[in-house]
Amino acid sequence: MTGEDTALAHMPHRDSGERKGGLQASIRVRESVCLRRTDGTWSITFAAVSLAAVAADVWAVDGAAAETTKKPEVIEVEVRSDPYAAAVDLGPAGSSLGDTDVYSGTAVVDGRSVGRGGGHCQVIHMQGEDVTSQCLITMEVEQGSLTTQSLWTKGTPTLDMAVTGGTGVYRDARAFARFWDIATPDERVRTEILR
C-alpha cells in the first residue's frame, strides 16, 4: 500500500536455526514497515515484527498434550503509562491506514513496580467513525515476558488479547489477557496463564 510520500509494507517470512541444547526450531513472523519519502529519499519511520506461529520438530511425551485441570496463574496489574507515548501519522492528517500509536508503561501491584511493557497499535481498517487497529503488546515481569496480539476498535474501553508467545517460565504458556480503561489513569490488565 503506498501514497505519494508514504508507504506501508507487510512481509511474512520464516526464521530458523538451532536453539541452546541443539533443538532445531523454525518460526513464522510478520514484519510491518512504514516508510516516508523526504526530498526523493525513502526512509523507514517505523518497523514491527510479530510472531505468526511457532513450528518446532519436538514431540510431546508422557501425556503432555492431554488437557490440564490446573487452575490458571493470574497476573493482575495496574498500568501506569509513560508520558512519552507517540502517534505516527503517516497519511493525511487524522486517522488513516498505517497510522500507529506507540506506548510503554510500568506494571504496578499495590503501588510497587513489578514489570514493564509496551507495544503499538496500527490502523488496519476504517469504516466511518470505526477505526480498527492491530495491537501487539509485550509485558515483562520477573519470571519472563508475555507477548499479546489482537484487533481493537479505537475507543472501546476493553481489549481482549491472545498471548502469542513468551519467555522464561512463560515460553510454553497458553494465556488470555484483558485490558480495561485503556489510555486512562485507571488502566489495568488481567492475564490468565496455563503452563
N, C-alpha and C. Protein backbone atom coordinates (compact mmCIF):
# COMPACT_ATOMS: atom_id res chain seq x y z
N MET A 1 0.86 -1.15 0.00
CA MET A 1 0.00 0.00 0.00
C MET A 1 0.92 1.22 0.00
N THR A 2 0.67 2.19 -0.89
CA THR A 2 1.52 3.36 -0.95
C THR A 2 0.69 4.61 -1.14
N GLY A 3 1.25 5.72 -0.74
CA GLY A 3 0.72 7.03 -1.01
C GLY A 3 1.81 7.76 -1.79
N GLU A 4 1.61 9.05 -2.00
CA GLU A 4 2.62 9.80 -2.75
C GLU A 4 3.95 9.84 -2.01
N ASP A 5 3.90 10.08 -0.70
CA ASP A 5 5.14 10.17 0.07
C ASP A 5 5.17 9.21 1.26
N THR A 6 4.23 8.28 1.33
CA THR A 6 4.22 7.30 2.41
C THR A 6 3.96 5.91 1.83
N ALA A 7 4.45 4.90 2.52
CA ALA A 7 4.22 3.53 2.09
C ALA A 7 4.17 2.63 3.32
N LEU A 8 3.44 1.55 3.19
CA LEU A 8 3.32 0.56 4.25
C LEU A 8 3.49 -0.80 3.61
N ALA A 9 4.36 -1.63 4.18
CA ALA A 9 4.59 -2.96 3.63
C ALA A 9 4.45 -3.99 4.74
N HIS A 10 3.82 -5.13 4.40
CA HIS A 10 3.72 -6.25 5.32
C HIS A 10 4.40 -7.44 4.67
N MET A 11 5.28 -8.13 5.41
CA MET A 11 6.05 -9.23 4.84
C MET A 11 6.04 -10.42 5.78
N PRO A 12 5.44 -11.55 5.40
CA PRO A 12 5.62 -12.75 6.21
C PRO A 12 6.93 -13.42 5.81
N HIS A 13 7.66 -13.97 6.79
CA HIS A 13 8.84 -14.75 6.45
C HIS A 13 9.14 -15.74 7.56
N ARG A 14 9.99 -16.71 7.26
CA ARG A 14 10.33 -17.77 8.20
C ARG A 14 11.78 -17.60 8.63
N ASP A 15 12.00 -17.67 9.95
CA ASP A 15 13.34 -17.66 10.52
C ASP A 15 13.57 -19.02 11.16
N SER A 16 14.76 -19.59 11.02
CA SER A 16 15.03 -20.89 11.62
C SER A 16 16.46 -20.96 12.09
N GLY A 17 16.72 -21.91 12.97
CA GLY A 17 18.06 -22.10 13.48
C GLY A 17 18.08 -23.10 14.61
N GLU A 18 19.23 -23.18 15.26
CA GLU A 18 19.40 -24.11 16.37
C GLU A 18 19.42 -23.34 17.68
N ARG A 19 18.56 -23.77 18.62
CA ARG A 19 18.50 -23.17 19.94
C ARG A 19 19.50 -23.85 20.85
N LYS A 20 19.71 -23.28 22.03
CA LYS A 20 20.59 -23.90 23.01
C LYS A 20 20.12 -25.33 23.27
N GLY A 21 21.05 -26.24 23.42
CA GLY A 21 20.69 -27.64 23.65
C GLY A 21 20.47 -28.41 22.36
N GLY A 22 20.63 -27.79 21.20
CA GLY A 22 20.54 -28.49 19.93
C GLY A 22 19.16 -28.55 19.31
N LEU A 23 18.14 -27.97 19.93
CA LEU A 23 16.79 -28.01 19.38
C LEU A 23 16.73 -27.19 18.09
N GLN A 24 16.29 -27.83 17.02
CA GLN A 24 16.08 -27.14 15.75
C GLN A 24 14.70 -26.50 15.78
N ALA A 25 14.60 -25.24 15.50
CA ALA A 25 13.32 -24.55 15.57
C ALA A 25 13.14 -23.66 14.35
N SER A 26 11.89 -23.46 14.00
CA SER A 26 11.53 -22.60 12.89
C SER A 26 10.31 -21.79 13.30
N ILE A 27 10.35 -20.48 13.06
CA ILE A 27 9.19 -19.64 13.38
C ILE A 27 8.80 -18.81 12.17
N ARG A 28 7.51 -18.54 12.10
CA ARG A 28 6.99 -17.64 11.06
C ARG A 28 6.73 -16.31 11.73
N VAL A 29 7.20 -15.24 11.12
CA VAL A 29 6.98 -13.90 11.65
C VAL A 29 6.37 -13.03 10.57
N ARG A 30 5.73 -11.96 11.01
CA ARG A 30 5.16 -10.97 10.09
C ARG A 30 5.82 -9.65 10.41
N GLU A 31 6.40 -9.04 9.42
CA GLU A 31 7.08 -7.77 9.61
C GLU A 31 6.27 -6.67 8.91
N SER A 32 6.07 -5.57 9.61
CA SER A 32 5.39 -4.41 9.05
C SER A 32 6.37 -3.25 9.05
N VAL A 33 6.45 -2.55 7.94
CA VAL A 33 7.38 -1.43 7.81
C VAL A 33 6.63 -0.23 7.26
N CYS A 34 6.78 0.92 7.93
CA CYS A 34 6.22 2.18 7.45
C CYS A 34 7.37 3.01 6.90
N LEU A 35 7.15 3.61 5.72
CA LEU A 35 8.19 4.40 5.08
C LEU A 35 7.66 5.79 4.75
N ARG A 36 8.55 6.74 4.69
CA ARG A 36 8.21 8.10 4.29
C ARG A 36 9.28 8.60 3.32
N ARG A 37 8.84 9.30 2.25
CA ARG A 37 9.77 9.87 1.29
C ARG A 37 9.95 11.35 1.60
N THR A 38 11.20 11.73 1.77
CA THR A 38 11.54 13.13 2.02
C THR A 38 12.62 13.52 1.03
N ASP A 39 12.37 14.56 0.25
CA ASP A 39 13.32 15.03 -0.77
C ASP A 39 13.76 13.89 -1.69
N GLY A 40 12.81 13.02 -2.06
CA GLY A 40 13.08 11.95 -3.00
C GLY A 40 13.73 10.71 -2.41
N THR A 41 14.02 10.71 -1.12
CA THR A 41 14.67 9.57 -0.48
C THR A 41 13.70 8.89 0.48
N TRP A 42 13.53 7.57 0.31
CA TRP A 42 12.66 6.80 1.19
C TRP A 42 13.43 6.39 2.43
N SER A 43 12.79 6.49 3.59
CA SER A 43 13.40 6.02 4.83
C SER A 43 12.32 5.34 5.68
N ILE A 44 12.76 4.37 6.48
CA ILE A 44 11.85 3.64 7.36
C ILE A 44 11.57 4.51 8.57
N THR A 45 10.27 4.74 8.86
CA THR A 45 9.89 5.54 10.01
C THR A 45 9.44 4.66 11.17
N PHE A 46 9.04 3.42 10.87
CA PHE A 46 8.60 2.51 11.92
C PHE A 46 8.66 1.09 11.37
N ALA A 47 9.11 0.15 12.22
CA ALA A 47 9.12 -1.27 11.84
C ALA A 47 8.69 -2.08 13.04
N ALA A 48 7.91 -3.14 12.79
CA ALA A 48 7.47 -4.03 13.87
C ALA A 48 7.48 -5.46 13.35
N VAL A 49 7.85 -6.38 14.22
CA VAL A 49 7.84 -7.80 13.89
C VAL A 49 6.95 -8.50 14.90
N SER A 50 6.02 -9.31 14.42
CA SER A 50 5.15 -10.06 15.33
C SER A 50 5.24 -11.54 14.99
N LEU A 51 5.04 -12.35 16.00
CA LEU A 51 5.10 -13.79 15.86
C LEU A 51 3.82 -14.27 15.19
N ALA A 52 3.95 -15.01 14.09
CA ALA A 52 2.78 -15.52 13.39
C ALA A 52 2.42 -16.92 13.89
N ALA A 53 3.38 -17.78 14.02
CA ALA A 53 3.15 -19.14 14.51
C ALA A 53 4.49 -19.76 14.86
N VAL A 54 4.48 -20.74 15.71
CA VAL A 54 5.72 -21.43 16.07
C VAL A 54 5.62 -22.86 15.59
N ALA A 55 6.66 -23.31 14.91
CA ALA A 55 6.71 -24.70 14.47
C ALA A 55 8.06 -25.27 14.87
N ALA A 56 8.08 -26.26 15.71
CA ALA A 56 9.32 -26.90 16.13
C ALA A 56 9.17 -28.39 15.99
N ASP A 57 10.24 -29.07 15.58
CA ASP A 57 10.19 -30.51 15.43
C ASP A 57 10.41 -31.19 16.77
N VAL A 58 9.45 -31.05 17.67
CA VAL A 58 9.51 -31.64 19.00
C VAL A 58 8.18 -32.35 19.24
N TRP A 59 8.23 -33.54 19.82
CA TRP A 59 7.01 -34.29 20.09
C TRP A 59 6.76 -34.33 21.57
N ALA A 60 5.48 -34.20 21.97
CA ALA A 60 5.10 -34.30 23.38
C ALA A 60 5.13 -35.77 23.78
N VAL A 61 5.59 -36.04 25.02
CA VAL A 61 5.61 -37.40 25.51
C VAL A 61 4.96 -37.44 26.88
N ASP A 62 4.61 -38.65 27.33
CA ASP A 62 4.09 -38.84 28.68
C ASP A 62 2.79 -38.09 28.91
N GLY A 63 1.93 -37.97 27.90
CA GLY A 63 0.64 -37.33 28.09
C GLY A 63 0.71 -35.82 28.19
N ALA A 64 1.81 -35.20 27.76
CA ALA A 64 1.96 -33.76 27.90
C ALA A 64 0.91 -33.00 27.10
N ALA A 65 0.35 -33.61 26.08
CA ALA A 65 -0.64 -32.92 25.26
C ALA A 65 -2.05 -33.06 25.83
N ALA A 66 -2.21 -33.82 26.89
CA ALA A 66 -3.53 -34.03 27.47
C ALA A 66 -4.05 -32.74 28.09
N GLU A 67 -5.37 -32.62 28.17
CA GLU A 67 -5.99 -31.44 28.78
C GLU A 67 -5.56 -31.32 30.23
N THR A 68 -5.34 -30.11 30.67
CA THR A 68 -4.93 -29.88 32.04
C THR A 68 -6.12 -29.46 32.88
N THR A 69 -6.09 -29.81 34.15
CA THR A 69 -7.15 -29.38 35.06
C THR A 69 -6.60 -28.37 36.05
N LYS A 70 -5.37 -27.91 35.84
CA LYS A 70 -4.77 -26.93 36.73
C LYS A 70 -5.50 -25.60 36.63
N LYS A 71 -5.53 -24.88 37.74
CA LYS A 71 -6.10 -23.54 37.74
C LYS A 71 -5.09 -22.60 37.07
N PRO A 72 -5.57 -21.59 36.36
CA PRO A 72 -4.62 -20.69 35.70
C PRO A 72 -3.89 -19.81 36.72
N GLU A 73 -2.66 -19.47 36.36
CA GLU A 73 -1.91 -18.46 37.11
C GLU A 73 -2.47 -17.11 36.68
N VAL A 74 -2.72 -16.23 37.62
CA VAL A 74 -3.30 -14.93 37.30
C VAL A 74 -2.30 -13.83 37.61
N ILE A 75 -2.07 -12.97 36.63
CA ILE A 75 -1.28 -11.76 36.83
C ILE A 75 -2.24 -10.60 36.61
N GLU A 76 -2.49 -9.82 37.64
CA GLU A 76 -3.37 -8.66 37.52
C GLU A 76 -2.61 -7.44 37.99
N VAL A 77 -2.48 -6.45 37.10
CA VAL A 77 -1.67 -5.27 37.41
C VAL A 77 -2.38 -4.00 36.95
N GLU A 78 -2.00 -2.88 37.58
CA GLU A 78 -2.36 -1.56 37.08
C GLU A 78 -1.31 -1.20 36.03
N VAL A 79 -1.70 -0.39 35.05
CA VAL A 79 -0.78 0.06 34.02
C VAL A 79 -0.58 1.56 34.17
N ARG A 80 0.65 1.96 34.45
CA ARG A 80 0.98 3.38 34.52
C ARG A 80 1.73 3.74 33.25
N SER A 81 1.02 4.41 32.35
CA SER A 81 1.60 4.74 31.05
C SER A 81 2.69 5.78 31.17
N ASP A 82 3.75 5.61 30.37
CA ASP A 82 4.80 6.61 30.30
C ASP A 82 4.27 7.83 29.57
N PRO A 83 4.76 9.03 29.91
CA PRO A 83 4.23 10.24 29.30
C PRO A 83 4.68 10.48 27.86
N TYR A 84 5.59 9.67 27.34
CA TYR A 84 6.13 9.94 26.01
C TYR A 84 5.58 9.01 24.93
N ALA A 85 4.36 8.54 25.07
CA ALA A 85 3.74 7.75 24.01
C ALA A 85 3.71 8.60 22.74
N ALA A 86 3.77 7.93 21.61
CA ALA A 86 3.84 8.66 20.34
C ALA A 86 2.78 8.17 19.37
N ALA A 87 2.32 9.08 18.55
CA ALA A 87 1.41 8.74 17.46
C ALA A 87 2.13 9.05 16.15
N VAL A 88 2.22 8.06 15.28
CA VAL A 88 2.85 8.24 13.98
C VAL A 88 1.74 8.39 12.96
N ASP A 89 1.58 9.59 12.41
CA ASP A 89 0.51 9.91 11.46
C ASP A 89 1.12 9.85 10.06
N LEU A 90 0.88 8.74 9.34
CA LEU A 90 1.56 8.52 8.06
C LEU A 90 0.86 9.12 6.85
N GLY A 91 -0.44 9.17 6.88
CA GLY A 91 -1.17 9.64 5.71
C GLY A 91 -1.62 11.07 5.90
N PRO A 92 -2.80 11.39 5.39
CA PRO A 92 -3.34 12.72 5.62
C PRO A 92 -3.59 12.93 7.11
N ALA A 93 -3.69 14.19 7.53
CA ALA A 93 -3.93 14.49 8.95
C ALA A 93 -5.16 13.75 9.43
N GLY A 94 -5.08 13.22 10.65
CA GLY A 94 -6.18 12.43 11.21
C GLY A 94 -5.95 10.96 10.96
N SER A 95 -6.90 10.14 11.36
CA SER A 95 -6.75 8.68 11.23
C SER A 95 -6.72 8.25 9.78
N SER A 96 -5.74 7.40 9.46
CA SER A 96 -5.66 6.80 8.13
C SER A 96 -4.91 5.47 8.25
N LEU A 97 -5.04 4.62 7.24
CA LEU A 97 -4.39 3.32 7.26
C LEU A 97 -2.89 3.47 7.49
N GLY A 98 -2.36 2.63 8.37
CA GLY A 98 -0.94 2.64 8.66
C GLY A 98 -0.54 3.50 9.84
N ASP A 99 -1.42 4.44 10.25
CA ASP A 99 -1.11 5.25 11.43
C ASP A 99 -0.86 4.33 12.61
N THR A 100 0.08 4.70 13.47
CA THR A 100 0.49 3.82 14.56
C THR A 100 0.62 4.60 15.85
N ASP A 101 0.06 4.06 16.92
CA ASP A 101 0.26 4.58 18.27
C ASP A 101 1.28 3.69 18.95
N VAL A 102 2.32 4.30 19.54
CA VAL A 102 3.38 3.58 20.22
C VAL A 102 3.38 4.02 21.68
N TYR A 103 3.50 3.07 22.60
CA TYR A 103 3.39 3.41 24.01
C TYR A 103 4.18 2.43 24.87
N SER A 104 4.41 2.82 26.10
CA SER A 104 5.06 1.93 27.07
C SER A 104 4.58 2.32 28.46
N GLY A 105 4.85 1.46 29.43
CA GLY A 105 4.42 1.75 30.78
C GLY A 105 4.98 0.79 31.79
N THR A 106 4.58 0.99 33.03
CA THR A 106 5.03 0.19 34.15
C THR A 106 3.86 -0.62 34.69
N ALA A 107 4.13 -1.90 35.01
CA ALA A 107 3.13 -2.76 35.63
C ALA A 107 3.27 -2.59 37.14
N VAL A 108 2.14 -2.30 37.83
CA VAL A 108 2.18 -1.96 39.25
C VAL A 108 1.17 -2.82 40.02
N VAL A 109 1.62 -3.35 41.17
CA VAL A 109 0.75 -4.08 42.10
C VAL A 109 0.96 -3.48 43.48
N ASP A 110 -0.12 -3.05 44.12
CA ASP A 110 -0.04 -2.45 45.46
C ASP A 110 0.99 -1.33 45.53
N GLY A 111 1.03 -0.48 44.50
CA GLY A 111 1.93 0.66 44.48
C GLY A 111 3.38 0.34 44.18
N ARG A 112 3.69 -0.93 43.90
CA ARG A 112 5.07 -1.37 43.65
C ARG A 112 5.22 -1.82 42.19
N SER A 113 6.30 -1.37 41.54
CA SER A 113 6.58 -1.77 40.17
C SER A 113 6.95 -3.25 40.13
N VAL A 114 6.27 -4.02 39.26
CA VAL A 114 6.56 -5.44 39.11
C VAL A 114 6.99 -5.80 37.69
N GLY A 115 7.05 -4.81 36.81
CA GLY A 115 7.46 -5.09 35.44
C GLY A 115 7.25 -3.89 34.53
N ARG A 116 7.58 -4.09 33.26
CA ARG A 116 7.45 -3.06 32.24
C ARG A 116 6.80 -3.66 31.02
N GLY A 117 6.27 -2.80 30.20
CA GLY A 117 5.66 -3.29 28.96
C GLY A 117 5.55 -2.18 27.95
N GLY A 118 5.16 -2.57 26.77
CA GLY A 118 4.97 -1.60 25.72
C GLY A 118 4.48 -2.28 24.46
N GLY A 119 4.14 -1.47 23.49
CA GLY A 119 3.67 -2.03 22.25
C GLY A 119 3.21 -0.96 21.29
N HIS A 120 2.42 -1.41 20.33
CA HIS A 120 1.89 -0.48 19.34
C HIS A 120 0.57 -1.00 18.80
N CYS A 121 -0.23 -0.08 18.31
CA CYS A 121 -1.47 -0.41 17.60
C CYS A 121 -1.42 0.31 16.27
N GLN A 122 -1.60 -0.43 15.19
CA GLN A 122 -1.52 0.13 13.85
C GLN A 122 -2.87 0.03 13.16
N VAL A 123 -3.34 1.15 12.59
CA VAL A 123 -4.64 1.19 11.92
C VAL A 123 -4.61 0.29 10.69
N ILE A 124 -5.56 -0.67 10.65
CA ILE A 124 -5.62 -1.60 9.52
C ILE A 124 -6.95 -1.55 8.77
N HIS A 125 -7.97 -0.89 9.38
CA HIS A 125 -9.28 -0.84 8.72
C HIS A 125 -10.05 0.37 9.23
N MET A 126 -10.75 1.04 8.32
CA MET A 126 -11.57 2.19 8.69
C MET A 126 -12.91 2.07 7.99
N GLN A 127 -13.98 2.28 8.79
CA GLN A 127 -15.32 2.29 8.23
C GLN A 127 -16.11 3.35 8.99
N GLY A 128 -16.34 4.48 8.34
CA GLY A 128 -17.00 5.59 9.02
C GLY A 128 -16.16 6.04 10.19
N GLU A 129 -16.78 6.13 11.37
CA GLU A 129 -16.07 6.54 12.59
C GLU A 129 -15.31 5.39 13.26
N ASP A 130 -15.58 4.15 12.82
CA ASP A 130 -14.91 3.00 13.43
C ASP A 130 -13.51 2.84 12.85
N VAL A 131 -12.51 2.86 13.74
CA VAL A 131 -11.12 2.70 13.36
C VAL A 131 -10.60 1.44 14.06
N THR A 132 -10.20 0.43 13.26
CA THR A 132 -9.70 -0.83 13.82
C THR A 132 -8.20 -0.89 13.67
N SER A 133 -7.54 -1.26 14.77
CA SER A 133 -6.08 -1.39 14.78
C SER A 133 -5.70 -2.81 15.15
N GLN A 134 -4.54 -3.23 14.66
CA GLN A 134 -3.93 -4.47 15.13
C GLN A 134 -2.94 -4.08 16.19
N CYS A 135 -3.09 -4.66 17.39
CA CYS A 135 -2.25 -4.28 18.53
C CYS A 135 -1.33 -5.42 18.92
N LEU A 136 -0.11 -5.07 19.27
CA LEU A 136 0.89 -6.01 19.76
C LEU A 136 1.49 -5.40 21.03
N ILE A 137 1.38 -6.13 22.14
CA ILE A 137 1.86 -5.63 23.43
C ILE A 137 2.71 -6.71 24.09
N THR A 138 3.86 -6.33 24.64
CA THR A 138 4.70 -7.24 25.40
C THR A 138 4.82 -6.72 26.82
N MET A 139 4.59 -7.63 27.79
CA MET A 139 4.74 -7.29 29.20
C MET A 139 5.84 -8.17 29.77
N GLU A 140 6.81 -7.54 30.44
CA GLU A 140 7.92 -8.26 31.04
C GLU A 140 7.81 -8.16 32.56
N VAL A 141 7.80 -9.32 33.22
CA VAL A 141 7.79 -9.39 34.67
C VAL A 141 8.99 -10.23 35.11
N GLU A 142 9.15 -10.43 36.40
CA GLU A 142 10.34 -11.09 36.93
C GLU A 142 10.63 -12.46 36.31
N GLN A 143 9.59 -13.27 36.05
CA GLN A 143 9.79 -14.63 35.59
C GLN A 143 9.83 -14.78 34.07
N GLY A 144 9.68 -13.69 33.33
CA GLY A 144 9.72 -13.77 31.87
C GLY A 144 8.81 -12.73 31.24
N SER A 145 8.57 -12.88 29.96
CA SER A 145 7.72 -11.92 29.26
C SER A 145 6.58 -12.65 28.55
N LEU A 146 5.50 -11.89 28.30
CA LEU A 146 4.35 -12.38 27.55
C LEU A 146 4.06 -11.39 26.43
N THR A 147 3.90 -11.90 25.22
CA THR A 147 3.55 -11.06 24.09
C THR A 147 2.12 -11.37 23.69
N THR A 148 1.31 -10.31 23.52
CA THR A 148 -0.11 -10.47 23.21
C THR A 148 -0.43 -9.76 21.90
N GLN A 149 -1.50 -10.22 21.26
CA GLN A 149 -1.89 -9.64 19.98
C GLN A 149 -3.40 -9.70 19.83
N SER A 150 -3.97 -8.66 19.20
CA SER A 150 -5.42 -8.63 18.99
C SER A 150 -5.78 -7.47 18.08
N LEU A 151 -7.03 -7.49 17.60
CA LEU A 151 -7.61 -6.34 16.93
C LEU A 151 -8.35 -5.52 17.98
N TRP A 152 -8.36 -4.19 17.80
CA TRP A 152 -9.04 -3.30 18.75
C TRP A 152 -9.72 -2.19 17.98
N THR A 153 -11.00 -1.93 18.31
CA THR A 153 -11.72 -0.80 17.74
C THR A 153 -11.48 0.40 18.66
N LYS A 154 -10.86 1.43 18.11
CA LYS A 154 -10.46 2.60 18.90
C LYS A 154 -11.64 3.15 19.70
N GLY A 155 -11.38 3.43 20.97
CA GLY A 155 -12.40 3.98 21.84
C GLY A 155 -13.12 2.94 22.68
N THR A 156 -12.97 1.65 22.33
CA THR A 156 -13.58 0.59 23.13
C THR A 156 -12.83 0.51 24.46
N PRO A 157 -13.56 0.48 25.60
CA PRO A 157 -12.88 0.54 26.89
C PRO A 157 -12.17 -0.74 27.32
N THR A 158 -12.45 -1.88 26.66
CA THR A 158 -11.77 -3.13 26.99
C THR A 158 -11.09 -3.69 25.75
N LEU A 159 -10.10 -4.51 25.99
CA LEU A 159 -9.36 -5.15 24.89
C LEU A 159 -9.01 -6.56 25.34
N ASP A 160 -9.51 -7.58 24.63
CA ASP A 160 -9.18 -8.97 24.91
C ASP A 160 -8.10 -9.40 23.93
N MET A 161 -7.02 -9.98 24.47
CA MET A 161 -5.87 -10.33 23.64
C MET A 161 -5.45 -11.77 23.87
N ALA A 162 -4.95 -12.42 22.83
CA ALA A 162 -4.38 -13.76 22.94
C ALA A 162 -2.89 -13.62 23.19
N VAL A 163 -2.36 -14.45 24.07
CA VAL A 163 -0.92 -14.50 24.26
C VAL A 163 -0.35 -15.33 23.13
N THR A 164 0.56 -14.74 22.36
CA THR A 164 1.11 -15.40 21.18
C THR A 164 2.54 -15.87 21.37
N GLY A 165 3.13 -15.56 22.52
CA GLY A 165 4.49 -16.00 22.79
C GLY A 165 4.92 -15.60 24.18
N GLY A 166 6.02 -16.17 24.61
CA GLY A 166 6.53 -15.85 25.94
C GLY A 166 7.97 -16.28 26.08
N THR A 167 8.59 -15.83 27.19
CA THR A 167 9.95 -16.23 27.50
C THR A 167 9.98 -16.67 28.96
N GLY A 168 11.12 -17.21 29.38
CA GLY A 168 11.26 -17.65 30.77
C GLY A 168 10.25 -18.73 31.09
N VAL A 169 9.62 -18.64 32.26
CA VAL A 169 8.65 -19.67 32.65
C VAL A 169 7.40 -19.64 31.77
N TYR A 170 7.23 -18.60 30.97
CA TYR A 170 6.04 -18.46 30.12
C TYR A 170 6.28 -18.91 28.67
N ARG A 171 7.42 -19.54 28.39
CA ARG A 171 7.75 -19.86 27.00
C ARG A 171 6.76 -20.83 26.35
N ASP A 172 6.08 -21.68 27.13
CA ASP A 172 5.10 -22.61 26.57
C ASP A 172 3.68 -22.30 27.05
N ALA A 173 3.48 -21.10 27.51
CA ALA A 173 2.19 -20.75 28.12
C ALA A 173 1.09 -20.59 27.08
N ARG A 174 -0.12 -20.93 27.53
CA ARG A 174 -1.33 -20.57 26.80
C ARG A 174 -2.02 -19.56 27.69
N ALA A 175 -2.45 -18.46 27.12
CA ALA A 175 -2.98 -17.42 28.00
C ALA A 175 -3.94 -16.50 27.27
N PHE A 176 -4.63 -15.72 28.10
CA PHE A 176 -5.61 -14.74 27.67
C PHE A 176 -5.38 -13.49 28.52
N ALA A 177 -5.43 -12.32 27.90
CA ALA A 177 -5.25 -11.07 28.65
C ALA A 177 -6.41 -10.13 28.34
N ARG A 178 -6.90 -9.44 29.37
CA ARG A 178 -7.94 -8.43 29.19
C ARG A 178 -7.46 -7.12 29.78
N PHE A 179 -7.50 -6.06 28.95
CA PHE A 179 -7.18 -4.70 29.39
C PHE A 179 -8.48 -3.94 29.61
N TRP A 180 -8.53 -3.12 30.68
CA TRP A 180 -9.69 -2.27 30.97
C TRP A 180 -9.24 -0.82 31.03
N ASP A 181 -10.21 0.09 30.81
CA ASP A 181 -9.97 1.53 30.94
C ASP A 181 -8.71 1.97 30.20
N ILE A 182 -8.63 1.57 28.95
CA ILE A 182 -7.46 1.83 28.12
C ILE A 182 -7.20 3.33 27.99
N ALA A 183 -5.92 3.70 28.10
CA ALA A 183 -5.46 5.09 27.96
C ALA A 183 -6.06 6.03 29.00
N THR A 184 -6.39 5.50 30.18
CA THR A 184 -6.84 6.33 31.30
C THR A 184 -5.92 6.07 32.49
N PRO A 185 -5.98 6.91 33.52
CA PRO A 185 -5.16 6.66 34.72
C PRO A 185 -5.56 5.37 35.46
N ASP A 186 -6.73 4.80 35.14
CA ASP A 186 -7.21 3.58 35.80
C ASP A 186 -6.94 2.31 34.98
N GLU A 187 -6.13 2.41 33.92
CA GLU A 187 -5.90 1.24 33.06
C GLU A 187 -5.31 0.08 33.86
N ARG A 188 -5.80 -1.14 33.57
CA ARG A 188 -5.30 -2.33 34.22
C ARG A 188 -5.43 -3.52 33.27
N VAL A 189 -4.72 -4.59 33.60
CA VAL A 189 -4.75 -5.80 32.78
C VAL A 189 -4.77 -7.03 33.69
N ARG A 190 -5.53 -8.03 33.27
CA ARG A 190 -5.56 -9.32 33.97
C ARG A 190 -5.20 -10.38 32.93
N THR A 191 -4.18 -11.18 33.23
CA THR A 191 -3.74 -12.24 32.36
C THR A 191 -3.94 -13.57 33.08
N GLU A 192 -4.60 -14.51 32.41
CA GLU A 192 -4.79 -15.86 32.95
C GLU A 192 -3.95 -16.81 32.13
N ILE A 193 -3.02 -17.50 32.81
CA ILE A 193 -1.98 -18.28 32.13
C ILE A 193 -2.05 -19.75 32.52
N LEU A 194 -2.03 -20.63 31.54
CA LEU A 194 -1.89 -22.07 31.77
C LEU A 194 -0.49 -22.47 31.31
N ARG A 195 0.24 -23.17 32.17
CA ARG A 195 1.58 -23.63 31.81
C ARG A 195 1.64 -25.12 31.92
